[in-house]
Amino acid sequence: QVQLVESGGGLVQPGGSLRLSCAASGTTIGIYVMGWYRQAPGKQRELVASITSGGQTNYADSVKGRFTISRDSAVNTVSLQMNSLKPEDTAVYYCKVVSNYRATYWGQGTQVTVSS
């Protein structure tokens, strides 16, 4: 069973920055994809960014140029550097991991609020 522990959410003013981190433990299989999703009130959960074991990244159009995803496969962590934050980035952010056996795991979520 894979456990995901997220950290780094909080309240920030528009234009500010936050860094989210997610550490995965409990797997000996290896992880294929690590990523971040978000869900705002009344909206569906959506992909923010993902990164494969080969380093291929994918970003939502709304965050391109502002957010950067990175991964340390040696310790199974994924981070999301969020710059130039906007009020519309306010959401609960979830870490998602897909193992090499294509099993999917979700973190508990961390709140990001962008407000003056």
C-alpha atoms as a PDB file:
ATOM      1  CA  GLN A   1       0.000   0.000   0.000  1.00  0.00           C
ATOM      2  CA  VAL A   2       1.353   3.396  -0.981  1.00  0.00           C
ATOM      3  CA  GLN A   3       1.007   6.328   1.386  1.00  0.00           C
ATOM      4  CA  LEU A   4       1.224   9.909   0.167  1.00  0.00           C
ATOM      5  CA  VAL A   5       2.000  12.830   2.460  1.00  0.00           C
ATOM      6  CA  GLU A   6       1.470  16.315   1.083  1.00  0.00           C
ATOM      7  CA  SER A   7       2.761  19.579   2.470  1.00  0.00           C
ATOM      8  CA  GLY A   8       3.142  23.215   1.544  1.00  0.00           C
ATOM      9  CA  GLY A   9      -0.359  24.578   1.109  1.00  0.00           C
ATOM     10  CA  GLY A  10      -1.564  27.787   2.672  1.00  0.00           C
ATOM     11  CA  LEU A  11      -2.746  31.331   2.138  1.00  0.00           C
ATOM     12  CA  VAL A  12      -0.874  33.618  -0.237  1.00  0.00           C
ATOM     13  CA  GLN A  13      -1.564  36.970  -1.857  1.00  0.00           C
ATOM     14  CA  PRO A  14      -2.089  37.258  -5.608  1.00  0.00           C
ATOM     15  CA  GLY A  15       1.244  37.258  -7.377  1.00  0.00           C
ATOM     16  CA  GLY A  16       2.860  35.264  -4.623  1.00  0.00           C
ATOM     17  CA  SER A  17       4.447  31.826  -4.624  1.00  0.00           C
ATOM     18  CA  LEU A  18       3.975  28.505  -2.891  1.00  0.00           C
ATOM     19  CA  ARG A  19       5.723  25.177  -3.143  1.00  0.00           C
ATOM     20  CA  LEU A  20       3.844  21.923  -2.672  1.00  0.00           C
ATOM     21  CA  SER A  21       5.586  18.650  -1.923  1.00  0.00           C
ATOM     22  CA  CYS A  22       4.389  15.066  -1.875  1.00  0.00           C
ATOM     23  CA  ALA A  23       6.326  12.125  -0.490  1.00  0.00           C
ATOM     24  CA  ALA A  24       5.335   8.580  -1.410  1.00  0.00           C
ATOM     25  CA  SER A  25       6.208   5.648   0.814  1.00  0.00           C
ATOM     26  CA  GLY A  26       5.327   1.985   1.091  1.00  0.00           C
ATOM     27  CA  THR A  27       6.065   0.951  -2.469  1.00  0.00           C
ATOM     28  CA  THR A  28       8.784  -1.363  -3.702  1.00  0.00           C
ATOM     29  CA  ILE A  29       7.360  -1.524  -7.203  1.00  0.00           C
ATOM     30  CA  GLY A  30       8.358   1.825  -8.526  1.00  0.00           C
ATOM     31  CA  ILE A  31       6.330   4.778  -9.645  1.00  0.00           C
ATOM     32  CA  TYR A  32       5.459   5.581 -13.224  1.00  0.00           C
ATOM     33  CA  VAL A  33       3.733   8.954 -12.992  1.00  0.00           C
ATOM     34  CA  MET A  34       3.532  11.529 -10.215  1.00  0.00           C
ATOM     35  CA  GLY A  35       1.320  14.542 -10.483  1.00  0.00           C
ATOM     36  CA  TRP A  36      -0.863  17.204  -8.972  1.00  0.00           C
ATOM     37  CA  TYR A  37      -4.579  17.745  -9.437  1.00  0.00           C
ATOM     38  CA  ARG A  38      -6.808  20.408  -7.968  1.00  0.00           C
ATOM     39  CA  GLN A  39     -10.455  20.821  -7.166  1.00  0.00           C
ATOM     40  CA  ALA A  40     -12.133  24.145  -6.570  1.00  0.00           C
ATOM     41  CA  PRO A  41     -15.540  24.395  -4.874  1.00  0.00           C
ATOM     42  CA  GLY A  42     -18.300  23.359  -7.253  1.00  0.00           C
ATOM     43  CA  LYS A  43     -15.873  22.230  -9.935  1.00  0.00           C
ATOM     44  CA  GLN A  44     -14.469  18.931 -11.109  1.00  0.00           C
ATOM     45  CA  ARG A  45     -11.018  17.784 -10.156  1.00  0.00           C
ATOM     46  CA  GLU A  46      -8.561  18.719 -12.886  1.00  0.00           C
ATOM     47  CA  LEU A  47      -4.986  17.943 -13.801  1.00  0.00           C
ATOM     48  CA  VAL A  48      -2.498  20.652 -12.896  1.00  0.00           C
ATOM     49  CA  ALA A  49       0.782  18.985 -13.839  1.00  0.00           C
ATOM     50  CA  SER A  50       2.339  15.556 -14.087  1.00  0.00           C
ATOM     51  CA  ILE A  51       5.761  14.039 -14.617  1.00  0.00           C
ATOM     52  CA  THR A  52       6.719  10.550 -15.715  1.00  0.00           C
ATOM     53  CA  SER A  53       9.622   8.424 -14.544  1.00  0.00           C
ATOM     54  CA  GLY A  54      11.379   9.490 -17.743  1.00  0.00           C
ATOM     55  CA  GLY A  55      10.963  13.159 -16.900  1.00  0.00           C
ATOM     56  CA  GLN A  56       8.230  13.963 -19.404  1.00  0.00           C
ATOM     57  CA  THR A  57       6.004  16.731 -18.074  1.00  0.00           C
ATOM     58  CA  ASN A  58       2.466  17.789 -18.819  1.00  0.00           C
ATOM     59  CA  TYR A  59       0.797  21.014 -17.667  1.00  0.00           C
ATOM     60  CA  ALA A  60      -2.678  22.437 -17.749  1.00  0.00           C
ATOM     61  CA  ASP A  61      -2.814  25.415 -20.101  1.00  0.00           C
ATOM     62  CA  SER A  62      -3.904  27.642 -17.222  1.00  0.00           C
ATOM     63  CA  VAL A  63      -0.646  27.100 -15.309  1.00  0.00           C
ATOM     64  CA  LYS A  64       1.923  26.916 -18.098  1.00  0.00           C
ATOM     65  CA  GLY A  65       4.745  29.355 -17.506  1.00  0.00           C
ATOM     66  CA  ARG A  66       3.779  29.839 -13.855  1.00  0.00           C
ATOM     67  CA  PHE A  67       4.013  26.371 -12.301  1.00  0.00           C
ATOM     68  CA  THR A  68       6.908  23.925 -12.438  1.00  0.00           C
ATOM     69  CA  ILE A  69       6.724  20.261 -11.483  1.00  0.00           C
ATOM     70  CA  SER A  70       9.813  18.342 -10.429  1.00  0.00           C
ATOM     71  CA  ARG A  71      10.521  14.888  -9.165  1.00  0.00           C
ATOM     72  CA  ASP A  72      13.172  13.079  -7.167  1.00  0.00           C
ATOM     73  CA  SER A  73      12.706   9.440  -8.080  1.00  0.00           C
ATOM     74  CA  ALA A  74      15.394   8.298  -5.642  1.00  0.00           C
ATOM     75  CA  VAL A  75      13.165   9.256  -2.730  1.00  0.00           C
ATOM     76  CA  ASN A  76       9.774   9.179  -4.488  1.00  0.00           C
ATOM     77  CA  THR A  77       8.920  12.820  -4.013  1.00  0.00           C
ATOM     78  CA  VAL A  78       7.233  15.264  -6.339  1.00  0.00           C
ATOM     79  CA  SER A  79       7.097  19.025  -5.926  1.00  0.00           C
ATOM     80  CA  LEU A  80       5.082  21.775  -7.525  1.00  0.00           C
ATOM     81  CA  GLN A  81       6.533  25.274  -7.552  1.00  0.00           C
ATOM     82  CA  MET A  82       3.701  27.730  -8.048  1.00  0.00           C
ATOM     83  CA  ASN A  83       4.577  31.307  -8.991  1.00  0.00           C
ATOM     84  CA  SER A  84       2.473  34.300  -9.972  1.00  0.00           C
ATOM     85  CA  LEU A  85      -0.503  32.803  -8.193  1.00  0.00           C
ATOM     86  CA  LYS A  86      -3.972  34.023  -9.059  1.00  0.00           C
ATOM     87  CA  PRO A  87      -7.239  33.886  -7.115  1.00  0.00           C
ATOM     88  CA  GLU A  88      -8.486  31.308  -9.620  1.00  0.00           C
ATOM     89  CA  ASP A  89      -5.708  28.973  -8.470  1.00  0.00           C
ATOM     90  CA  THR A  90      -7.538  28.624  -5.162  1.00  0.00           C
ATOM     91  CA  ALA A  91      -8.413  24.968  -4.668  1.00  0.00           C
ATOM     92  CA  VAL A  92      -7.587  21.821  -2.791  1.00  0.00           C
ATOM     93  CA  TYR A  93      -4.506  20.331  -4.423  1.00  0.00           C
ATOM     94  CA  TYR A  94      -4.113  16.564  -4.520  1.00  0.00           C
ATOM     95  CA  CYS A  95      -1.032  14.502  -5.188  1.00  0.00           C
ATOM     96  CA  LYS A  96      -1.593  11.503  -7.452  1.00  0.00           C
ATOM     97  CA  VAL A  97       0.754   8.619  -8.045  1.00  0.00           C
ATOM     98  CA  VAL A  98       0.518   5.809 -10.579  1.00  0.00           C
ATOM     99  CA  SER A  99       2.706   2.812  -9.904  1.00  0.00           C
ATOM    100  CA  ASN A 100       4.559   0.773 -12.501  1.00  0.00           C
ATOM    101  CA  TYR A 101       1.694  -1.722 -12.171  1.00  0.00           C
ATOM    102  CA  ARG A 102      -0.710   1.135 -13.015  1.00  0.00           C
ATOM    103  CA  ALA A 103      -2.304   1.260  -9.569  1.00  0.00           C
ATOM    104  CA  THR A 104      -3.443   4.780  -8.633  1.00  0.00           C
ATOM    105  CA  TYR A 105      -3.060   6.455  -5.269  1.00  0.00           C
ATOM    106  CA  TRP A 106      -4.232   9.849  -4.022  1.00  0.00           C
ATOM    107  CA  GLY A 107      -3.058  12.094  -1.235  1.00  0.00           C
ATOM    108  CA  GLN A 108      -5.406  13.637   1.290  1.00  0.00           C
ATOM    109  CA  GLY A 109      -5.243  17.073  -0.292  1.00  0.00           C
ATOM    110  CA  THR A 110      -3.825  20.404   0.782  1.00  0.00           C
ATOM    111  CA  GLN A 111      -5.631  23.735   0.616  1.00  0.00           C
ATOM    112  CA  VAL A 112      -4.196  26.576  -1.452  1.00  0.00           C
ATOM    113  CA  THR A 113      -5.920  29.923  -1.070  1.00  0.00           C
ATOM    114  CA  VAL A 114      -4.921  32.951  -3.122  1.00  0.00           C
ATOM    115  CA  SER A 115      -6.473  36.078  -1.718  1.00  0.00           C
ATOM    116  CA  SER A 116      -5.616  39.601  -0.679  1.00  0.00           C
END
